[in-house]
């Protein structure tokens, strides 16, 4: 269902966003309950959060600017706490 929603909202990028999410969800969290993954999927800044046993996905506008983003295109920032 998630893949379908992403494809509807982002026809060109939905599959890639879903694949990036699956990649993050399969990472070893080292037993930690909170995790963050910041990356660009195509031109979109995407934030994946692990919160306990659930996930949150935020896709920001292509021109998104934020002093806390600290991620460049091609870079994947992941950490677990």
PDB file of N, CA and C in Angstrom:
ATOM      1  N   UNK A   1       0.819  -1.193   0.000  1.00  0.00           N
ATOM      2  CA  UNK A   1       0.000   0.000   0.000  1.00  0.00           C
ATOM      3  C   UNK A   1       0.868   1.265   0.000  1.00  0.00           C
ATOM      4  N   UNK A   2       1.941   1.272   0.776  1.00  0.00           N
ATOM      5  CA  UNK A   2       2.829   2.435   0.818  1.00  0.00           C
ATOM      6  C   UNK A   2       3.428   2.717  -0.555  1.00  0.00           C
ATOM      7  N   UNK A   3       3.868   1.675  -1.223  1.00  0.00           N
ATOM      8  CA  UNK A   3       4.452   1.851  -2.556  1.00  0.00           C
ATOM      9  C   UNK A   3       3.445   2.495  -3.500  1.00  0.00           C
ATOM     10  N   UNK A   4       2.220   2.057  -3.433  1.00  0.00           N
ATOM     11  CA  UNK A   4       1.156   2.591  -4.282  1.00  0.00           C
ATOM     12  C   UNK A   4       0.910   4.078  -3.987  1.00  0.00           C
ATOM     13  N   UNK A   5       0.870   4.437  -2.726  1.00  0.00           N
ATOM     14  CA  UNK A   5       0.658   5.837  -2.336  1.00  0.00           C
ATOM     15  C   UNK A   5       1.803   6.705  -2.843  1.00  0.00           C
ATOM     16  N   UNK A   6       3.036   6.242  -2.656  1.00  0.00           N
ATOM     17  CA  UNK A   6       4.195   7.011  -3.122  1.00  0.00           C
ATOM     18  C   UNK A   6       4.189   7.167  -4.641  1.00  0.00           C
ATOM     19  N   UNK A   7       3.817   6.112  -5.346  1.00  0.00           N
ATOM     20  CA  UNK A   7       3.743   6.190  -6.818  1.00  0.00           C
ATOM     21  C   UNK A   7       2.679   7.180  -7.274  1.00  0.00           C
ATOM     22  N   UNK A   8       1.558   7.236  -6.557  1.00  0.00           N
ATOM     23  CA  UNK A   8       0.500   8.176  -6.924  1.00  0.00           C
ATOM     24  C   UNK A   8       0.941   9.613  -6.681  1.00  0.00           C
ATOM     25  N   UNK A   9       1.561   9.849  -5.544  1.00  0.00           N
ATOM     26  CA  UNK A   9       1.968  11.214  -5.172  1.00  0.00           C
ATOM     27  C   UNK A   9       3.199  11.684  -5.941  1.00  0.00           C
ATOM     28  N   UNK A  10       4.106  10.762  -6.212  1.00  0.00           N
ATOM     29  CA  UNK A  10       5.358  11.067  -6.911  1.00  0.00           C
ATOM     30  C   UNK A  10       5.535  10.068  -8.056  1.00  0.00           C
ATOM     31  N   UNK A  11       4.863  10.306  -9.188  1.00  0.00           N
ATOM     32  CA  UNK A  11       4.870   9.335 -10.285  1.00  0.00           C
ATOM     33  C   UNK A  11       6.270   8.920 -10.753  1.00  0.00           C
ATOM     34  N   UNK A  12       7.196   9.844 -10.829  1.00  0.00           N
ATOM     35  CA  UNK A  12       8.544   9.517 -11.310  1.00  0.00           C
ATOM     36  C   UNK A  12       9.459   9.027 -10.195  1.00  0.00           C
ATOM     37  N   UNK A  13       9.253   9.508  -8.983  1.00  0.00           N
ATOM     38  CA  UNK A  13      10.177   9.253  -7.884  1.00  0.00           C
ATOM     39  C   UNK A  13       9.668   8.238  -6.863  1.00  0.00           C
ATOM     40  N   UNK A  14       8.392   7.890  -6.916  1.00  0.00           N
ATOM     41  CA  UNK A  14       7.776   7.044  -5.891  1.00  0.00           C
ATOM     42  C   UNK A  14       8.471   5.722  -5.664  1.00  0.00           C
ATOM     43  N   UNK A  15       8.837   5.055  -6.735  1.00  0.00           N
ATOM     44  CA  UNK A  15       9.525   3.760  -6.620  1.00  0.00           C
ATOM     45  C   UNK A  15      10.872   3.927  -5.920  1.00  0.00           C
ATOM     46  N   UNK A  16      11.616   4.957  -6.284  1.00  0.00           N
ATOM     47  CA  UNK A  16      12.930   5.203  -5.677  1.00  0.00           C
ATOM     48  C   UNK A  16      12.794   5.588  -4.203  1.00  0.00           C
ATOM     49  N   UNK A  17      11.775   6.363  -3.862  1.00  0.00           N
ATOM     50  CA  UNK A  17      11.545   6.720  -2.461  1.00  0.00           C
ATOM     51  C   UNK A  17      11.214   5.463  -1.656  1.00  0.00           C
ATOM     52  N   UNK A  18      10.378   4.612  -2.217  1.00  0.00           N
ATOM     53  CA  UNK A  18      10.027   3.358  -1.546  1.00  0.00           C
ATOM     54  C   UNK A  18      11.264   2.487  -1.348  1.00  0.00           C
ATOM     55  N   UNK A  19      12.094   2.361  -2.378  1.00  0.00           N
ATOM     56  CA  UNK A  19      13.314   1.555  -2.275  1.00  0.00           C
ATOM     57  C   UNK A  19      14.253   2.100  -1.197  1.00  0.00           C
ATOM     58  N   UNK A  20      14.371   3.427  -1.115  1.00  0.00           N
ATOM     59  CA  UNK A  20      15.215   4.039  -0.081  1.00  0.00           C
ATOM     60  C   UNK A  20      14.649   3.740   1.309  1.00  0.00           C
ATOM     61  N   UNK A  21      13.329   3.774   1.432  1.00  0.00           N
ATOM     62  CA  UNK A  21      12.696   3.448   2.712  1.00  0.00           C
ATOM     63  C   UNK A  21      12.977   1.999   3.105  1.00  0.00           C
ATOM     64  N   UNK A  22      12.825   1.087   2.165  1.00  0.00           N
ATOM     65  CA  UNK A  22      13.083  -0.331   2.447  1.00  0.00           C
ATOM     66  C   UNK A  22      14.531  -0.518   2.884  1.00  0.00           C
ATOM     67  N   UNK A  23      15.445   0.159   2.207  1.00  0.00           N
ATOM     68  CA  UNK A  23      16.858   0.074   2.574  1.00  0.00           C
ATOM     69  C   UNK A  23      17.077   0.530   4.021  1.00  0.00           C
ATOM     70  N   UNK A  24      16.485   1.650   4.396  1.00  0.00           N
ATOM     71  CA  UNK A  24      16.607   2.149   5.771  1.00  0.00           C
ATOM     72  C   UNK A  24      15.957   1.186   6.760  1.00  0.00           C
ATOM     73  N   UNK A  25      14.788   0.667   6.425  1.00  0.00           N
ATOM     74  CA  UNK A  25      14.061  -0.202   7.357  1.00  0.00           C
ATOM     75  C   UNK A  25      14.792  -1.520   7.608  1.00  0.00           C
ATOM     76  N   UNK A  26      15.683  -1.915   6.703  1.00  0.00           N
ATOM     77  CA  UNK A  26      16.442  -3.163   6.863  1.00  0.00           C
ATOM     78  C   UNK A  26      17.774  -2.961   7.582  1.00  0.00           C
ATOM     79  N   UNK A  27      18.141  -1.720   7.854  1.00  0.00           N
ATOM     80  CA  UNK A  27      19.407  -1.458   8.544  1.00  0.00           C
ATOM     81  C   UNK A  27      19.348  -1.951   9.986  1.00  0.00           C
ATOM     82  N   UNK A  28      20.483  -2.408  10.473  1.00  0.00           N
ATOM     83  CA  UNK A  28      20.596  -2.841  11.861  1.00  0.00           C
ATOM     84  C   UNK A  28      20.637  -1.611  12.762  1.00  0.00           C
ATOM     85  N   UNK A  29      19.655  -1.480  13.609  1.00  0.00           N
ATOM     86  CA  UNK A  29      19.581  -0.322  14.508  1.00  0.00           C
ATOM     87  C   UNK A  29      20.388  -0.533  15.782  1.00  0.00           C
ATOM     88  N   UNK A  30      20.990  -1.697  15.914  1.00  0.00           N
ATOM     89  CA  UNK A  30      21.756  -1.982  17.120  1.00  0.00           C
ATOM     90  C   UNK A  30      20.892  -2.021  18.370  1.00  0.00           C
ATOM     91  N   UNK A  31      19.621  -2.350  18.197  1.00  0.00           N
ATOM     92  CA  UNK A  31      18.708  -2.410  19.336  1.00  0.00           C
ATOM     93  C   UNK A  31      18.152  -1.059  19.763  1.00  0.00           C
ATOM     94  N   UNK A  32      18.489  -0.019  19.033  1.00  0.00           N
ATOM     95  CA  UNK A  32      18.003   1.328  19.368  1.00  0.00           C
ATOM     96  C   UNK A  32      16.574   1.508  18.856  1.00  0.00           C
ATOM     97  N   UNK A  33      15.797   2.326  19.558  1.00  0.00           N
ATOM     98  CA  UNK A  33      14.385   2.537  19.219  1.00  0.00           C
ATOM     99  C   UNK A  33      14.137   3.737  18.315  1.00  0.00           C
ATOM    100  N   UNK A  34      15.136   4.604  18.176  1.00  0.00           N
ATOM    101  CA  UNK A  34      14.976   5.799  17.353  1.00  0.00           C
ATOM    102  C   UNK A  34      16.063   5.838  16.292  1.00  0.00           C
ATOM    103  N   UNK A  35      15.652   6.152  15.075  1.00  0.00           N
ATOM    104  CA  UNK A  35      16.614   6.262  13.989  1.00  0.00           C
ATOM    105  C   UNK A  35      16.191   7.323  13.004  1.00  0.00           C
ATOM    106  N   UNK A  36      17.184   7.915  12.354  1.00  0.00           N
ATOM    107  CA  UNK A  36      16.926   8.962  11.367  1.00  0.00           C
ATOM    108  C   UNK A  36      17.770   8.684  10.136  1.00  0.00           C
ATOM    109  N   UNK A  37      17.161   8.854   8.985  1.00  0.00           N
ATOM    110  CA  UNK A  37      17.867   8.764   7.710  1.00  0.00           C
ATOM    111  C   UNK A  37      17.490   9.989   6.891  1.00  0.00           C
ATOM    112  N   UNK A  38      18.504  10.788   6.529  1.00  0.00           N
ATOM    113  CA  UNK A  38      18.288  11.978   5.696  1.00  0.00           C
ATOM    114  C   UNK A  38      19.036  11.758   4.394  1.00  0.00           C
ATOM    115  N   UNK A  39      18.329  11.927   3.283  1.00  0.00           N
ATOM    116  CA  UNK A  39      18.957  11.756   1.986  1.00  0.00           C
ATOM    117  C   UNK A  39      18.119  12.422   0.903  1.00  0.00           C
ATOM    118  N   UNK A  40      18.721  12.559  -0.264  1.00  0.00           N
ATOM    119  CA  UNK A  40      17.985  13.023  -1.431  1.00  0.00           C
ATOM    120  C   UNK A  40      17.608  11.804  -2.254  1.00  0.00           C
ATOM    121  N   UNK A  41      16.367  11.762  -2.684  1.00  0.00           N
ATOM    122  CA  UNK A  41      15.919  10.753  -3.635  1.00  0.00           C
ATOM    123  C   UNK A  41      15.546  11.526  -4.879  1.00  0.00           C
ATOM    124  N   UNK A  42      16.363  11.332  -5.907  1.00  0.00           N
ATOM    125  CA  UNK A  42      16.313  12.174  -7.088  1.00  0.00           C
ATOM    126  C   UNK A  42      16.520  13.615  -6.610  1.00  0.00           C
ATOM    127  N   UNK A  43      15.584  14.494  -6.794  1.00  0.00           N
ATOM    128  CA  UNK A  43      15.783  15.881  -6.355  1.00  0.00           C
ATOM    129  C   UNK A  43      15.091  16.201  -5.032  1.00  0.00           C
ATOM    130  N   UNK A  44      14.399  15.231  -4.463  1.00  0.00           N
ATOM    131  CA  UNK A  44      13.634  15.473  -3.238  1.00  0.00           C
ATOM    132  C   UNK A  44      14.435  15.145  -1.975  1.00  0.00           C
ATOM    133  N   UNK A  45      14.498  16.071  -1.018  1.00  0.00           N
ATOM    134  CA  UNK A  45      15.046  15.737   0.292  1.00  0.00           C
ATOM    135  C   UNK A  45      14.020  14.867   1.032  1.00  0.00           C
ATOM    136  N   UNK A  46      14.479  13.724   1.530  1.00  0.00           N
ATOM    137  CA  UNK A  46      13.578  12.776   2.182  1.00  0.00           C
ATOM    138  C   UNK A  46      14.124  12.446   3.569  1.00  0.00           C
ATOM    139  N   UNK A  47      13.221  12.426   4.538  1.00  0.00           N
ATOM    140  CA  UNK A  47      13.570  12.086   5.913  1.00  0.00           C
ATOM    141  C   UNK A  47      12.763  10.864   6.328  1.00  0.00           C
ATOM    142  N   UNK A  48      13.465   9.819   6.750  1.00  0.00           N
ATOM    143  CA  UNK A  48      12.832   8.622   7.296  1.00  0.00           C
ATOM    144  C   UNK A  48      13.148   8.584   8.785  1.00  0.00           C
ATOM    145  N   UNK A  49      12.140   8.345   9.601  1.00  0.00           N
ATOM    146  CA  UNK A  49      12.329   8.219  11.047  1.00  0.00           C
ATOM    147  C   UNK A  49      11.865   6.847  11.499  1.00  0.00           C
ATOM    148  N   UNK A  50      12.680   6.192  12.311  1.00  0.00           N
ATOM    149  CA  UNK A  50      12.272   4.990  13.029  1.00  0.00           C
ATOM    150  C   UNK A  50      11.851   5.460  14.411  1.00  0.00           C
ATOM    151  N   UNK A  51      10.627   5.157  14.785  1.00  0.00           N
ATOM    152  CA  UNK A  51      10.099   5.566  16.085  1.00  0.00           C
ATOM    153  C   UNK A  51       9.505   4.322  16.737  1.00  0.00           C
ATOM    154  N   UNK A  52      10.269   3.708  17.624  1.00  0.00           N
ATOM    155  CA  UNK A  52       9.820   2.462  18.236  1.00  0.00           C
ATOM    156  C   UNK A  52       9.725   1.375  17.186  1.00  0.00           C
ATOM    157  N   UNK A  53       8.519   0.878  16.955  1.00  0.00           N
ATOM    158  CA  UNK A  53       8.341  -0.140  15.922  1.00  0.00           C
ATOM    159  C   UNK A  53       7.601   0.413  14.702  1.00  0.00           C
ATOM    160  N   UNK A  54       7.536   1.739  14.584  1.00  0.00           N
ATOM    161  CA  UNK A  54       6.882   2.382  13.440  1.00  0.00           C
ATOM    162  C   UNK A  54       7.835   3.302  12.702  1.00  0.00           C
ATOM    163  N   UNK A  55       7.389   3.764  11.571  1.00  0.00           N
ATOM    164  CA  UNK A  55       8.202   4.649  10.734  1.00  0.00           C
ATOM    165  C   UNK A  55       7.407   5.876  10.332  1.00  0.00           C
ATOM    166  N   UNK A  56       8.136   6.929  10.067  1.00  0.00           N
ATOM    167  CA  UNK A  56       7.583   8.186   9.586  1.00  0.00           C
ATOM    168  C   UNK A  56       8.386   8.564   8.345  1.00  0.00           C
ATOM    169  N   UNK A  57       7.708   8.988   7.297  1.00  0.00           N
ATOM    170  CA  UNK A  57       8.379   9.394   6.061  1.00  0.00           C
ATOM    171  C   UNK A  57       7.956  10.820   5.739  1.00  0.00           C
ATOM    172  N   UNK A  58       8.944  11.679   5.517  1.00  0.00           N
ATOM    173  CA  UNK A  58       8.661  13.058   5.111  1.00  0.00           C
ATOM    174  C   UNK A  58       9.412  13.346   3.820  1.00  0.00           C
ATOM    175  N   UNK A  59       8.675  13.789   2.813  1.00  0.00           N
ATOM    176  CA  UNK A  59       9.272  14.188   1.541  1.00  0.00           C
ATOM    177  C   UNK A  59       9.091  15.697   1.436  1.00  0.00           C
ATOM    178  N   UNK A  60      10.207  16.400   1.396  1.00  0.00           N
ATOM    179  CA  UNK A  60      10.182  17.857   1.370  1.00  0.00           C
ATOM    180  C   UNK A  60      10.199  18.372  -0.066  1.00  0.00           C
ATOM    181  N   UNK A  61       9.787  19.614  -0.281  1.00  0.00           N
ATOM    182  CA  UNK A  61       9.838  20.202  -1.629  1.00  0.00           C
ATOM    183  C   UNK A  61      11.274  20.212  -2.166  1.00  0.00           C
ATOM    184  N   UNK A  62      11.402  20.173  -3.472  1.00  0.00           N
ATOM    185  CA  UNK A  62      12.720  20.120  -4.113  1.00  0.00           C
ATOM    186  C   UNK A  62      13.631  21.261  -3.691  1.00  0.00           C
ATOM    187  N   UNK A  63      13.090  22.424  -3.427  1.00  0.00           N
ATOM    188  CA  UNK A  63      13.907  23.591  -3.072  1.00  0.00           C
ATOM    189  C   UNK A  63      14.038  23.777  -1.555  1.00  0.00           C
ATOM    190  N   UNK A  64      13.790  22.741  -0.779  1.00  0.00           N
ATOM    191  CA  UNK A  64      13.820  22.799   0.680  1.00  0.00           C
ATOM    192  C   UNK A  64      15.186  23.255   1.190  1.00  0.00           C
ATOM    193  N   UNK A  65      15.177  24.201   2.089  1.00  0.00           N
ATOM    194  CA  UNK A  65      16.393  24.694   2.751  1.00  0.00           C
ATOM    195  C   UNK A  65      16.131  24.726   4.250  1.00  0.00           C
ATOM    196  N   UNK A  66      17.074  24.217   5.023  1.00  0.00           N
ATOM    197  CA  UNK A  66      16.931  24.188   6.474  1.00  0.00           C
ATOM    198  C   UNK A  66      18.328  24.123   7.080  1.00  0.00           C
ATOM    199  N   UNK A  67      18.559  24.899   8.105  1.00  0.00           N
ATOM    200  CA  UNK A  67      19.887  24.934   8.722  1.00  0.00           C
ATOM    201  C   UNK A  67      20.259  23.615   9.389  1.00  0.00           C
ATOM    202  N   UNK A  68      19.291  22.746   9.659  1.00  0.00           N
ATOM    203  CA  UNK A  68      19.560  21.477  10.327  1.00  0.00           C
ATOM    204  C   UNK A  68      19.623  20.292   9.369  1.00  0.00           C
ATOM    205  N   UNK A  69      19.378  20.503   8.090  1.00  0.00           N
ATOM    206  CA  UNK A  69      19.339  19.387   7.143  1.00  0.00           C
ATOM    207  C   UNK A  69      20.711  18.744   6.999  1.00  0.00           C
ATOM    208  N   UNK A  70      21.752  19.526   6.781  1.00  0.00           N
ATOM    209  CA  UNK A  70      23.142  19.070   6.760  1.00  0.00           C
ATOM    210  C   UNK A  70      23.372  17.828   5.903  1.00  0.00           C
ATOM    211  N   UNK A  71      22.700  17.744   4.783  1.00  0.00           N
ATOM    212  CA  UNK A  71      22.845  16.616   3.873  1.00  0.00           C
ATOM    213  C   UNK A  71      22.893  17.154   2.453  1.00  0.00           C
ATOM    214  N   UNK A  72      23.845  16.660   1.683  1.00  0.00           N
ATOM    215  CA  UNK A  72      24.011  17.076   0.290  1.00  0.00           C
ATOM    216  C   UNK A  72      23.477  15.989  -0.631  1.00  0.00           C
ATOM    217  N   UNK A  73      23.084  16.341  -1.854  1.00  0.00           N
ATOM    218  CA  UNK A  73      22.673  15.314  -2.813  1.00  0.00           C
ATOM    219  C   UNK A  73      23.766  14.249  -2.959  1.00  0.00           C
ATOM    220  N   UNK A  74      23.350  13.001  -2.961  1.00  0.00           N
ATOM    221  CA  UNK A  74      24.274  11.881  -3.060  1.00  0.00           C
ATOM    222  C   UNK A  74      24.747  11.359  -1.711  1.00  0.00           C
ATOM    223  N   UNK A  75      24.479  12.090  -0.664  1.00  0.00           N
ATOM    224  CA  UNK A  75      24.897  11.720   0.685  1.00  0.00           C
ATOM    225  C   UNK A  75      23.712  11.099   1.421  1.00  0.00           C
ATOM    226  N   UNK A  76      23.981  10.088   2.232  1.00  0.00           N
ATOM    227  CA  UNK A  76      22.954   9.469   3.068  1.00  0.00           C
ATOM    228  C   UNK A  76      23.433   9.557   4.514  1.00  0.00           C
ATOM    229  N   UNK A  77      22.705  10.269   5.344  1.00  0.00           N
ATOM    230  CA  UNK A  77      23.040  10.410   6.764  1.00  0.00           C
ATOM    231  C   UNK A  77      22.081   9.566   7.589  1.00  0.00           C
ATOM    232  N   UNK A  78      22.642   8.600   8.304  1.00  0.00           N
ATOM    233  CA  UNK A  78      21.835   7.692   9.121  1.00  0.00           C
ATOM    234  C   UNK A  78      22.426   7.634  10.521  1.00  0.00           C
ATOM    235  N   UNK A  79      21.571   7.710  11.513  1.00  0.00           N
ATOM    236  CA  UNK A  79      22.033   7.431  12.872  1.00  0.00           C
ATOM    237  C   UNK A  79      20.881   6.904  13.715  1.00  0.00           C
ATOM    238  N   UNK A  80      21.246   6.128  14.706  1.00  0.00           N
ATOM    239  CA  UNK A  80      20.283   5.523  15.629  1.00  0.00           C
ATOM    240  C   UNK A  80      20.655   5.929  17.047  1.00  0.00           C
ATOM    241  N   UNK A  81      19.636   6.218  17.867  1.00  0.00           N
ATOM    242  CA  UNK A  81      19.884   6.575  19.265  1.00  0.00           C
ATOM    243  C   UNK A  81      18.958   5.786  20.173  1.00  0.00           C
TER     244      UNK A  81
END
